[in-house]
Amino acid sequence: MASTDTRTEQDRRAALIAARRRHWHRTRRMTGVMLALWLLATLVPLFYARELAQLTLFGWPLSFYLAAQGASLVYLAIVGTYYWRMGRIDARFRRELA
């Protein structure tokens, strides 16, 4: 009977390790995507600032508008998406442990 208890404990540990591995893989992948979006939202308006300055929106150059308003909105969307997605990833992890 002790060997079946040991085997069951080993199976539980193996399942826990596998669930943790999947959880961290999902977390790292999602974090990488969010960092890539952050990088794009930061660098693209700066890279194209001269071209975008030719266009105006409400009397302001579009490059200024994108840097001042657009990037901030993208950052807010990134934070909100991260919060929502991490909640789903953590809930899935808890279900896998149960």
PDB file of N, CA and C in Angstrom:
ATOM      1  N   MET A   1       0.821  -1.188   0.000  1.00  0.00           N
ATOM      2  CA  MET A   1       0.000   0.000   0.000  1.00  0.00           C
ATOM      3  C   MET A   1       0.870   1.259   0.000  1.00  0.00           C
ATOM      4  N   ALA A   2       2.022   1.152   0.638  1.00  0.00           N
ATOM      5  CA  ALA A   2       2.905   2.312   0.676  1.00  0.00           C
ATOM      6  C   ALA A   2       3.430   2.648  -0.714  1.00  0.00           C
ATOM      7  N   SER A   3       3.629   1.621  -1.541  1.00  0.00           N
ATOM      8  CA  SER A   3       4.135   1.901  -2.883  1.00  0.00           C
ATOM      9  C   SER A   3       3.076   2.585  -3.738  1.00  0.00           C
ATOM     10  N   THR A   4       1.782   2.288  -3.538  1.00  0.00           N
ATOM     11  CA  THR A   4       0.732   2.967  -4.303  1.00  0.00           C
ATOM     12  C   THR A   4       0.589   4.411  -3.848  1.00  0.00           C
ATOM     13  N   ASP A   5       0.764   4.650  -2.533  1.00  0.00           N
ATOM     14  CA  ASP A   5       0.725   6.019  -2.034  1.00  0.00           C
ATOM     15  C   ASP A   5       1.899   6.829  -2.598  1.00  0.00           C
ATOM     16  N   THR A   6       3.062   6.200  -2.648  1.00  0.00           N
ATOM     17  CA  THR A   6       4.238   6.865  -3.199  1.00  0.00           C
ATOM     18  C   THR A   6       4.042   7.142  -4.680  1.00  0.00           C
ATOM     19  N   ARG A   7       3.469   6.184  -5.397  1.00  0.00           N
ATOM     20  CA  ARG A   7       3.222   6.353  -6.832  1.00  0.00           C
ATOM     21  C   ARG A   7       2.209   7.464  -7.068  1.00  0.00           C
ATOM     22  N   THR A   8       1.164   7.505  -6.261  1.00  0.00           N
ATOM     23  CA  THR A   8       0.147   8.550  -6.391  1.00  0.00           C
ATOM     24  C   THR A   8       0.758   9.918  -6.111  1.00  0.00           C
ATOM     25  N   GLU A   9       1.603   9.983  -5.099  1.00  0.00           N
ATOM     26  CA  GLU A   9       2.279  11.243  -4.774  1.00  0.00           C
ATOM     27  C   GLU A   9       3.203  11.670  -5.919  1.00  0.00           C
ATOM     28  N   GLN A  10       3.893  10.728  -6.513  1.00  0.00           N
ATOM     29  CA  GLN A  10       4.762  11.042  -7.650  1.00  0.00           C
ATOM     30  C   GLN A  10       3.939  11.523  -8.847  1.00  0.00           C
ATOM     31  N   ASP A  11       2.802  10.894  -9.068  1.00  0.00           N
ATOM     32  CA  ASP A  11       1.925  11.323 -10.165  1.00  0.00           C
ATOM     33  C   ASP A  11       1.415  12.734  -9.934  1.00  0.00           C
ATOM     34  N   ARG A  12       1.048  13.034  -8.691  1.00  0.00           N
ATOM     35  CA  ARG A  12       0.576  14.391  -8.362  1.00  0.00           C
ATOM     36  C   ARG A  12       1.680  15.421  -8.570  1.00  0.00           C
ATOM     37  N   ARG A  13       2.870  15.087  -8.153  1.00  0.00           N
ATOM     38  CA  ARG A  13       3.995  16.015  -8.337  1.00  0.00           C
ATOM     39  C   ARG A  13       4.301  16.225  -9.816  1.00  0.00           C
ATOM     40  N   ALA A  14       4.249  15.161 -10.590  1.00  0.00           N
ATOM     41  CA  ALA A  14       4.496  15.277 -12.026  1.00  0.00           C
ATOM     42  C   ALA A  14       3.419  16.139 -12.682  1.00  0.00           C
ATOM     43  N   ALA A  15       2.168  15.959 -12.277  1.00  0.00           N
ATOM     44  CA  ALA A  15       1.078  16.770 -12.821  1.00  0.00           C
ATOM     45  C   ALA A  15       1.241  18.230 -12.422  1.00  0.00           C
ATOM     46  N   LEU A  16       1.661  18.474 -11.181  1.00  0.00           N
ATOM     47  CA  LEU A  16       1.880  19.844 -10.714  1.00  0.00           C
ATOM     48  C   LEU A  16       3.013  20.512 -11.498  1.00  0.00           C
ATOM     49  N   ILE A  17       4.091  19.790 -11.702  1.00  0.00           N
ATOM     50  CA  ILE A  17       5.219  20.339 -12.458  1.00  0.00           C
ATOM     51  C   ILE A  17       4.806  20.647 -13.894  1.00  0.00           C
ATOM     52  N   ALA A  18       4.046  19.759 -14.504  1.00  0.00           N
ATOM     53  CA  ALA A  18       3.589  19.984 -15.875  1.00  0.00           C
ATOM     54  C   ALA A  18       2.641  21.184 -15.943  1.00  0.00           C
ATOM     55  N   ALA A  19       1.736  21.315 -14.968  1.00  0.00           N
ATOM     56  CA  ALA A  19       0.807  22.449 -14.946  1.00  0.00           C
ATOM     57  C   ALA A  19       1.564  23.760 -14.750  1.00  0.00           C
ATOM     58  N   ARG A  20       2.554  23.766 -13.874  1.00  0.00           N
ATOM     59  CA  ARG A  20       3.359  24.977 -13.668  1.00  0.00           C
ATOM     60  C   ARG A  20       4.116  25.352 -14.935  1.00  0.00           C
ATOM     61  N   ARG A  21       4.656  24.350 -15.604  1.00  0.00           N
ATOM     62  CA  ARG A  21       5.402  24.597 -16.838  1.00  0.00           C
ATOM     63  C   ARG A  21       4.494  25.228 -17.900  1.00  0.00           C
ATOM     64  N   ARG A  22       3.277  24.702 -18.057  1.00  0.00           N
ATOM     65  CA  ARG A  22       2.328  25.267 -19.022  1.00  0.00           C
ATOM     66  C   ARG A  22       1.920  26.676 -18.629  1.00  0.00           C
ATOM     67  N   HIS A  23       1.699  26.888 -17.325  1.00  0.00           N
ATOM     68  CA  HIS A  23       1.296  28.208 -16.832  1.00  0.00           C
ATOM     69  C   HIS A  23       2.368  29.247 -17.142  1.00  0.00           C
ATOM     70  N   TRP A  24       3.629  28.930 -16.846  1.00  0.00           N
ATOM     71  CA  TRP A  24       4.691  29.893 -17.081  1.00  0.00           C
ATOM     72  C   TRP A  24       4.975  30.087 -18.562  1.00  0.00           C
ATOM     73  N   HIS A  25       4.757  29.075 -19.360  1.00  0.00           N
ATOM     74  CA  HIS A  25       4.895  29.236 -20.806  1.00  0.00           C
ATOM     75  C   HIS A  25       3.858  30.223 -21.332  1.00  0.00           C
ATOM     76  N   ARG A  26       2.609  30.060 -20.905  1.00  0.00           N
ATOM     77  CA  ARG A  26       1.550  30.988 -21.321  1.00  0.00           C
ATOM     78  C   ARG A  26       1.833  32.400 -20.833  1.00  0.00           C
ATOM     79  N   THR A  27       2.291  32.515 -19.588  1.00  0.00           N
ATOM     80  CA  THR A  27       2.566  33.830 -19.015  1.00  0.00           C
ATOM     81  C   THR A  27       3.702  34.532 -19.763  1.00  0.00           C
ATOM     82  N   ARG A  28       4.774  33.815 -20.031  1.00  0.00           N
ATOM     83  CA  ARG A  28       5.902  34.418 -20.750  1.00  0.00           C
ATOM     84  C   ARG A  28       5.525  34.799 -22.176  1.00  0.00           C
ATOM     85  N   ARG A  29       4.758  33.957 -22.836  1.00  0.00           N
ATOM     86  CA  ARG A  29       4.343  34.260 -24.205  1.00  0.00           C
ATOM     87  C   ARG A  29       3.478  35.518 -24.239  1.00  0.00           C
ATOM     88  N   MET A  30       2.520  35.610 -23.311  1.00  0.00           N
ATOM     89  CA  MET A  30       1.653  36.786 -23.262  1.00  0.00           C
ATOM     90  C   MET A  30       2.445  38.039 -22.908  1.00  0.00           C
ATOM     91  N   THR A  31       3.380  37.938 -21.983  1.00  0.00           N
ATOM     92  CA  THR A  31       4.212  39.072 -21.608  1.00  0.00           C
ATOM     93  C   THR A  31       5.069  39.526 -22.787  1.00  0.00           C
ATOM     94  N   GLY A  32       5.591  38.586 -23.556  1.00  0.00           N
ATOM     95  CA  GLY A  32       6.375  38.926 -24.739  1.00  0.00           C
ATOM     96  C   GLY A  32       5.554  39.680 -25.774  1.00  0.00           C
ATOM     97  N   VAL A  33       4.322  39.248 -25.979  1.00  0.00           N
ATOM     98  CA  VAL A  33       3.441  39.943 -26.927  1.00  0.00           C
ATOM     99  C   VAL A  33       3.148  41.354 -26.433  1.00  0.00           C
ATOM    100  N   MET A  34       2.863  41.499 -25.149  1.00  0.00           N
ATOM    101  CA  MET A  34       2.566  42.822 -24.597  1.00  0.00           C
ATOM    102  C   MET A  34       3.789  43.747 -24.692  1.00  0.00           C
ATOM    103  N   LEU A  35       4.977  43.212 -24.454  1.00  0.00           N
ATOM    104  CA  LEU A  35       6.187  44.029 -24.582  1.00  0.00           C
ATOM    105  C   LEU A  35       6.427  44.444 -26.032  1.00  0.00           C
ATOM    106  N   ALA A  36       6.123  43.552 -26.964  1.00  0.00           N
ATOM    107  CA  ALA A  36       6.273  43.904 -28.380  1.00  0.00           C
ATOM    108  C   ALA A  36       5.294  45.017 -28.762  1.00  0.00           C
ATOM    109  N   LEU A  37       4.062  44.946 -28.270  1.00  0.00           N
ATOM    110  CA  LEU A  37       3.092  46.014 -28.539  1.00  0.00           C
ATOM    111  C   LEU A  37       3.542  47.335 -27.928  1.00  0.00           C
ATOM    112  N   TRP A  38       4.068  47.269 -26.718  1.00  0.00           N
ATOM    113  CA  TRP A  38       4.579  48.477 -26.067  1.00  0.00           C
ATOM    114  C   TRP A  38       5.711  49.095 -26.887  1.00  0.00           C
ATOM    115  N   LEU A  39       6.620  48.242 -27.364  1.00  0.00           N
ATOM    116  CA  LEU A  39       7.734  48.726 -28.158  1.00  0.00           C
ATOM    117  C   LEU A  39       7.240  49.367 -29.458  1.00  0.00           C
ATOM    118  N   LEU A  40       6.285  48.735 -30.121  1.00  0.00           N
ATOM    119  CA  LEU A  40       5.726  49.310 -31.346  1.00  0.00           C
ATOM    120  C   LEU A  40       5.032  50.637 -31.081  1.00  0.00           C
ATOM    121  N   ALA A  41       4.255  50.706 -30.010  1.00  0.00           N
ATOM    122  CA  ALA A  41       3.535  51.941 -29.691  1.00  0.00           C
ATOM    123  C   ALA A  41       4.493  53.072 -29.335  1.00  0.00           C
ATOM    124  N   THR A  42       5.664  52.731 -28.853  1.00  0.00           N
ATOM    125  CA  THR A  42       6.640  53.749 -28.483  1.00  0.00           C
ATOM    126  C   THR A  42       7.498  54.180 -29.671  1.00  0.00           C
ATOM    127  N   LEU A  43       7.968  53.225 -30.440  1.00  0.00           N
ATOM    128  CA  LEU A  43       8.939  53.538 -31.477  1.00  0.00           C
ATOM    129  C   LEU A  43       8.337  53.947 -32.823  1.00  0.00           C
ATOM    130  N   VAL A  44       7.201  53.405 -33.190  1.00  0.00           N
ATOM    131  CA  VAL A  44       6.633  53.722 -34.507  1.00  0.00           C
ATOM    132  C   VAL A  44       6.297  55.205 -34.646  1.00  0.00           C
ATOM    133  N   PRO A  45       5.606  55.826 -33.676  1.00  0.00           N
ATOM    134  CA  PRO A  45       5.351  57.268 -33.836  1.00  0.00           C
ATOM    135  C   PRO A  45       6.637  58.105 -33.866  1.00  0.00           C
ATOM    136  N   LEU A  46       7.642  57.682 -33.107  1.00  0.00           N
ATOM    137  CA  LEU A  46       8.911  58.411 -33.124  1.00  0.00           C
ATOM    138  C   LEU A  46       9.646  58.236 -34.448  1.00  0.00           C
ATOM    139  N   PHE A  47       9.608  57.033 -34.992  1.00  0.00           N
ATOM    140  CA  PHE A  47      10.299  56.754 -36.244  1.00  0.00           C
ATOM    141  C   PHE A  47       9.675  57.517 -37.409  1.00  0.00           C
ATOM    142  N   TYR A  48       8.352  57.628 -37.412  1.00  0.00           N
ATOM    143  CA  TYR A  48       7.649  58.302 -38.505  1.00  0.00           C
ATOM    144  C   TYR A  48       7.216  59.722 -38.141  1.00  0.00           C
ATOM    145  N   ALA A  49       7.827  60.318 -37.158  1.00  0.00           N
ATOM    146  CA  ALA A  49       7.400  61.635 -36.679  1.00  0.00           C
ATOM    147  C   ALA A  49       7.483  62.705 -37.762  1.00  0.00           C
ATOM    148  N   ARG A  50       8.528  62.714 -38.563  1.00  0.00           N
ATOM    149  CA  ARG A  50       8.654  63.738 -39.610  1.00  0.00           C
ATOM    150  C   ARG A  50       7.551  63.611 -40.649  1.00  0.00           C
ATOM    151  N   GLU A  51       7.269  62.381 -41.064  1.00  0.00           N
ATOM    152  CA  GLU A  51       6.218  62.173 -42.053  1.00  0.00           C
ATOM    153  C   GLU A  51       4.844  62.506 -41.485  1.00  0.00           C
ATOM    154  N   LEU A  52       4.629  62.131 -40.229  1.00  0.00           N
ATOM    155  CA  LEU A  52       3.337  62.377 -39.602  1.00  0.00           C
ATOM    156  C   LEU A  52       3.135  63.845 -39.251  1.00  0.00           C
ATOM    157  N   ALA A  53       4.212  64.631 -39.131  1.00  0.00           N
ATOM    158  CA  ALA A  53       4.095  66.047 -38.786  1.00  0.00           C
ATOM    159  C   ALA A  53       3.456  66.838 -39.921  1.00  0.00           C
ATOM    160  N   GLN A  54       3.486  66.284 -41.139  1.00  0.00           N
ATOM    161  CA  GLN A  54       2.866  66.966 -42.278  1.00  0.00           C
ATOM    162  C   GLN A  54       1.338  66.972 -42.170  1.00  0.00           C
ATOM    163  N   LEU A  55       0.795  65.976 -41.496  1.00  0.00           N
ATOM    164  CA  LEU A  55      -0.656  65.878 -41.315  1.00  0.00           C
ATOM    165  C   LEU A  55      -1.057  66.549 -40.007  1.00  0.00           C
ATOM    166  N   THR A  56      -2.202  67.203 -39.990  1.00  0.00           N
ATOM    167  CA  THR A  56      -2.658  67.854 -38.764  1.00  0.00           C
ATOM    168  C   THR A  56      -4.012  67.294 -38.352  1.00  0.00           C
ATOM    169  N   LEU A  57      -4.239  67.324 -37.065  1.00  0.00           N
ATOM    170  CA  LEU A  57      -5.498  66.880 -36.480  1.00  0.00           C
ATOM    171  C   LEU A  57      -5.874  67.893 -35.410  1.00  0.00           C
ATOM    172  N   PHE A  58      -6.955  68.619 -35.649  1.00  0.00           N
ATOM    173  CA  PHE A  58      -7.412  69.690 -34.744  1.00  0.00           C
ATOM    174  C   PHE A  58      -6.333  70.751 -34.552  1.00  0.00           C
ATOM    175  N   GLY A  59      -5.577  71.015 -35.595  1.00  0.00           N
ATOM    176  CA  GLY A  59      -4.562  72.055 -35.552  1.00  0.00           C
ATOM    177  C   GLY A  59      -3.220  71.614 -34.995  1.00  0.00           C
ATOM    178  N   TRP A  60      -3.108  70.384 -34.557  1.00  0.00           N
ATOM    179  CA  TRP A  60      -1.845  69.873 -34.024  1.00  0.00           C
ATOM    180  C   TRP A  60      -1.263  68.879 -35.013  1.00  0.00           C
ATOM    181  N   PRO A  61       0.067  68.800 -35.085  1.00  0.00           N
ATOM    182  CA  PRO A  61       0.673  67.778 -35.950  1.00  0.00           C
ATOM    183  C   PRO A  61       0.281  66.378 -35.467  1.00  0.00           C
ATOM    184  N   LEU A  62       0.034  65.494 -36.415  1.00  0.00           N
ATOM    185  CA  LEU A  62      -0.395  64.143 -36.064  1.00  0.00           C
ATOM    186  C   LEU A  62       0.647  63.415 -35.226  1.00  0.00           C
ATOM    187  N   SER A  63       1.923  63.685 -35.470  1.00  0.00           N
ATOM    188  CA  SER A  63       2.976  63.029 -34.673  1.00  0.00           C
ATOM    189  C   SER A  63       2.865  63.411 -33.201  1.00  0.00           C
ATOM    190  N   PHE A  64       2.570  64.683 -32.921  1.00  0.00           N
ATOM    191  CA  PHE A  64       2.387  65.113 -31.540  1.00  0.00           C
ATOM    192  C   PHE A  64       1.170  64.426 -30.933  1.00  0.00           C
ATOM    193  N   TYR A  65       0.094  64.364 -31.706  1.00  0.00           N
ATOM    194  CA  TYR A  65      -1.141  63.769 -31.209  1.00  0.00           C
ATOM    195  C   TYR A  65      -0.954  62.283 -30.888  1.00  0.00           C
ATOM    196  N   LEU A  66      -0.260  61.577 -31.766  1.00  0.00           N
ATOM    197  CA  LEU A  66      -0.010  60.158 -31.519  1.00  0.00           C
ATOM    198  C   LEU A  66       0.877  59.955 -30.293  1.00  0.00           C
ATOM    199  N   ALA A  67       1.901  60.786 -30.154  1.00  0.00           N
ATOM    200  CA  ALA A  67       2.801  60.636 -29.011  1.00  0.00           C
ATOM    201  C   ALA A  67       2.114  61.017 -27.706  1.00  0.00           C
ATOM    202  N   ALA A  68       1.304  62.080 -27.741  1.00  0.00           N
ATOM    203  CA  ALA A  68       0.697  62.577 -26.505  1.00  0.00           C
ATOM    204  C   ALA A  68      -0.545  61.776 -26.109  1.00  0.00           C
ATOM    205  N   GLN A  69      -1.356  61.392 -27.077  1.00  0.00           N
ATOM    206  CA  GLN A  69      -2.622  60.738 -26.753  1.00  0.00           C
ATOM    207  C   GLN A  69      -2.636  59.263 -27.143  1.00  0.00           C
ATOM    208  N   GLY A  70      -2.216  58.975 -28.357  1.00  0.00           N
ATOM    209  CA  GLY A  70      -2.318  57.613 -28.875  1.00  0.00           C
ATOM    210  C   GLY A  70      -1.511  56.606 -28.091  1.00  0.00           C
ATOM    211  N   ALA A  71      -0.270  56.942 -27.800  1.00  0.00           N
ATOM    212  CA  ALA A  71       0.584  56.016 -27.059  1.00  0.00           C
ATOM    213  C   ALA A  71       0.029  55.762 -25.663  1.00  0.00           C
ATOM    214  N   SER A  72      -0.480  56.801 -25.024  1.00  0.00           N
ATOM    215  CA  SER A  72      -1.052  56.630 -23.681  1.00  0.00           C
ATOM    216  C   SER A  72      -2.253  55.702 -23.708  1.00  0.00           C
ATOM    217  N   LEU A  73      -3.072  55.820 -24.727  1.00  0.00           N
ATOM    218  CA  LEU A  73      -4.230  54.934 -24.848  1.00  0.00           C
ATOM    219  C   LEU A  73      -3.800  53.497 -25.131  1.00  0.00           C
ATOM    220  N   VAL A  74      -2.768  53.328 -25.938  1.00  0.00           N
ATOM    221  CA  VAL A  74      -2.261  51.984 -26.201  1.00  0.00           C
ATOM    222  C   VAL A  74      -1.688  51.384 -24.926  1.00  0.00           C
ATOM    223  N   TYR A  75      -0.949  52.170 -24.151  1.00  0.00           N
ATOM    224  CA  TYR A  75      -0.400  51.675 -22.883  1.00  0.00           C
ATOM    225  C   TYR A  75      -1.525  51.251 -21.937  1.00  0.00           C
ATOM    226  N   LEU A  76      -2.573  52.052 -21.875  1.00  0.00           N
ATOM    227  CA  LEU A  76      -3.716  51.701 -21.027  1.00  0.00           C
ATOM    228  C   LEU A  76      -4.362  50.407 -21.502  1.00  0.00           C
ATOM    229  N   ALA A  77      -4.498  50.242 -22.809  1.00  0.00           N
ATOM    230  CA  ALA A  77      -5.067  49.005 -23.352  1.00  0.00           C
ATOM    231  C   ALA A  77      -4.164  47.809 -23.046  1.00  0.00           C
ATOM    232  N   ILE A  78      -2.864  48.003 -23.098  1.00  0.00           N
ATOM    233  CA  ILE A  78      -1.930  46.921 -22.781  1.00  0.00           C
ATOM    234  C   ILE A  78      -2.084  46.493 -21.328  1.00  0.00           C
ATOM    235  N   VAL A  79      -2.154  47.454 -20.424  1.00  0.00           N
ATOM    236  CA  VAL A  79      -2.305  47.131 -19.000  1.00  0.00           C
ATOM    237  C   VAL A  79      -3.637  46.426 -18.746  1.00  0.00           C
ATOM    238  N   GLY A  80      -4.716  46.924 -19.339  1.00  0.00           N
ATOM    239  CA  GLY A  80      -6.027  46.294 -19.165  1.00  0.00           C
ATOM    240  C   GLY A  80      -6.068  44.882 -19.727  1.00  0.00           C
ATOM    241  N   THR A  81      -5.483  44.692 -20.900  1.00  0.00           N
ATOM    242  CA  THR A  81      -5.452  43.362 -21.503  1.00  0.00           C
ATOM    243  C   THR A  81      -4.600  42.412 -20.675  1.00  0.00           C
ATOM    244  N   TYR A  82      -3.483  42.901 -20.166  1.00  0.00           N
ATOM    245  CA  TYR A  82      -2.629  42.072 -19.317  1.00  0.00           C
ATOM    246  C   TYR A  82      -3.388  41.620 -18.070  1.00  0.00           C
ATOM    247  N   TYR A  83      -4.097  42.541 -17.430  1.00  0.00           N
ATOM    248  CA  TYR A  83      -4.865  42.217 -16.235  1.00  0.00           C
ATOM    249  C   TYR A  83      -5.925  41.162 -16.544  1.00  0.00           C
ATOM    250  N   TRP A  84      -6.680  41.378 -17.627  1.00  0.00           N
ATOM    251  CA  TRP A  84      -7.756  40.460 -17.987  1.00  0.00           C
ATOM    252  C   TRP A  84      -7.204  39.086 -18.359  1.00  0.00           C
ATOM    253  N   ARG A  85      -6.160  39.071 -19.187  1.00  0.00           N
ATOM    254  CA  ARG A  85      -5.601  37.806 -19.669  1.00  0.00           C
ATOM    255  C   ARG A  85      -4.919  37.038 -18.544  1.00  0.00           C
ATOM    256  N   MET A  86      -4.206  37.732 -17.661  1.00  0.00           N
ATOM    257  CA  MET A  86      -3.565  37.033 -16.542  1.00  0.00           C
ATOM    258  C   MET A  86      -4.602  36.416 -15.616  1.00  0.00           C
ATOM    259  N   GLY A  87      -5.729  37.074 -15.437  1.00  0.00           N
ATOM    260  CA  GLY A  87      -6.815  36.483 -14.644  1.00  0.00           C
ATOM    261  C   GLY A  87      -7.294  35.180 -15.254  1.00  0.00           C
ATOM    262  N   ARG A  88      -7.424  35.150 -16.570  1.00  0.00           N
ATOM    263  CA  ARG A  88      -7.858  33.932 -17.251  1.00  0.00           C
ATOM    264  C   ARG A  88      -6.786  32.843 -17.183  1.00  0.00           C
ATOM    265  N   ILE A  89      -5.523  33.230 -17.350  1.00  0.00           N
ATOM    266  CA  ILE A  89      -4.435  32.244 -17.283  1.00  0.00           C
ATOM    267  C   ILE A  89      -4.339  31.655 -15.880  1.00  0.00           C
ATOM    268  N   ASP A  90      -4.445  32.500 -14.850  1.00  0.00           N
ATOM    269  CA  ASP A  90      -4.374  32.011 -13.472  1.00  0.00           C
ATOM    270  C   ASP A  90      -5.574  31.134 -13.134  1.00  0.00           C
ATOM    271  N   ALA A  91      -6.766  31.490 -13.628  1.00  0.00           N
ATOM    272  CA  ALA A  91      -7.957  30.661 -13.379  1.00  0.00           C
ATOM    273  C   ALA A  91      -7.784  29.296 -14.042  1.00  0.00           C
ATOM    274  N   ARG A  92      -7.233  29.275 -15.235  1.00  0.00           N
ATOM    275  CA  ARG A  92      -6.999  28.010 -15.917  1.00  0.00           C
ATOM    276  C   ARG A  92      -6.004  27.156 -15.139  1.00  0.00           C
ATOM    277  N   PHE A  93      -4.972  27.795 -14.599  1.00  0.00           N
ATOM    278  CA  PHE A  93      -3.990  27.082 -13.789  1.00  0.00           C
ATOM    279  C   PHE A  93      -4.641  26.473 -12.543  1.00  0.00           C
ATOM    280  N   ARG A  94      -5.496  27.253 -11.889  1.00  0.00           N
ATOM    281  CA  ARG A  94      -6.188  26.723 -10.697  1.00  0.00           C
ATOM    282  C   ARG A  94      -7.089  25.559 -11.056  1.00  0.00           C
ATOM    283  N   ARG A  95      -7.761  25.619 -12.226  1.00  0.00           N
ATOM    284  CA  ARG A  95      -8.596  24.484 -12.647  1.00  0.00           C
ATOM    285  C   ARG A  95      -7.755  23.253 -12.920  1.00  0.00           C
ATOM    286  N   GLU A  96      -6.572  23.454 -13.508  1.00  0.00           N
ATOM    287  CA  GLU A  96      -5.694  22.308 -13.782  1.00  0.00           C
ATOM    288  C   GLU A  96      -5.198  21.671 -12.493  1.00  0.00           C
ATOM    289  N   LEU A  97      -5.022  22.465 -11.456  1.00  0.00           N
ATOM    290  CA  LEU A  97      -4.564  21.898 -10.182  1.00  0.00           C
ATOM    291  C   LEU A  97      -5.657  21.136  -9.450  1.00  0.00           C
ATOM    292  N   ALA A  98      -6.894  21.528  -9.693  1.00  0.00           N
ATOM    293  CA  ALA A  98      -8.016  20.886  -8.973  1.00  0.00           C
ATOM    294  C   ALA A  98      -8.275  19.478  -9.470  1.00  0.00           C
TER     295      ALA A  98
END
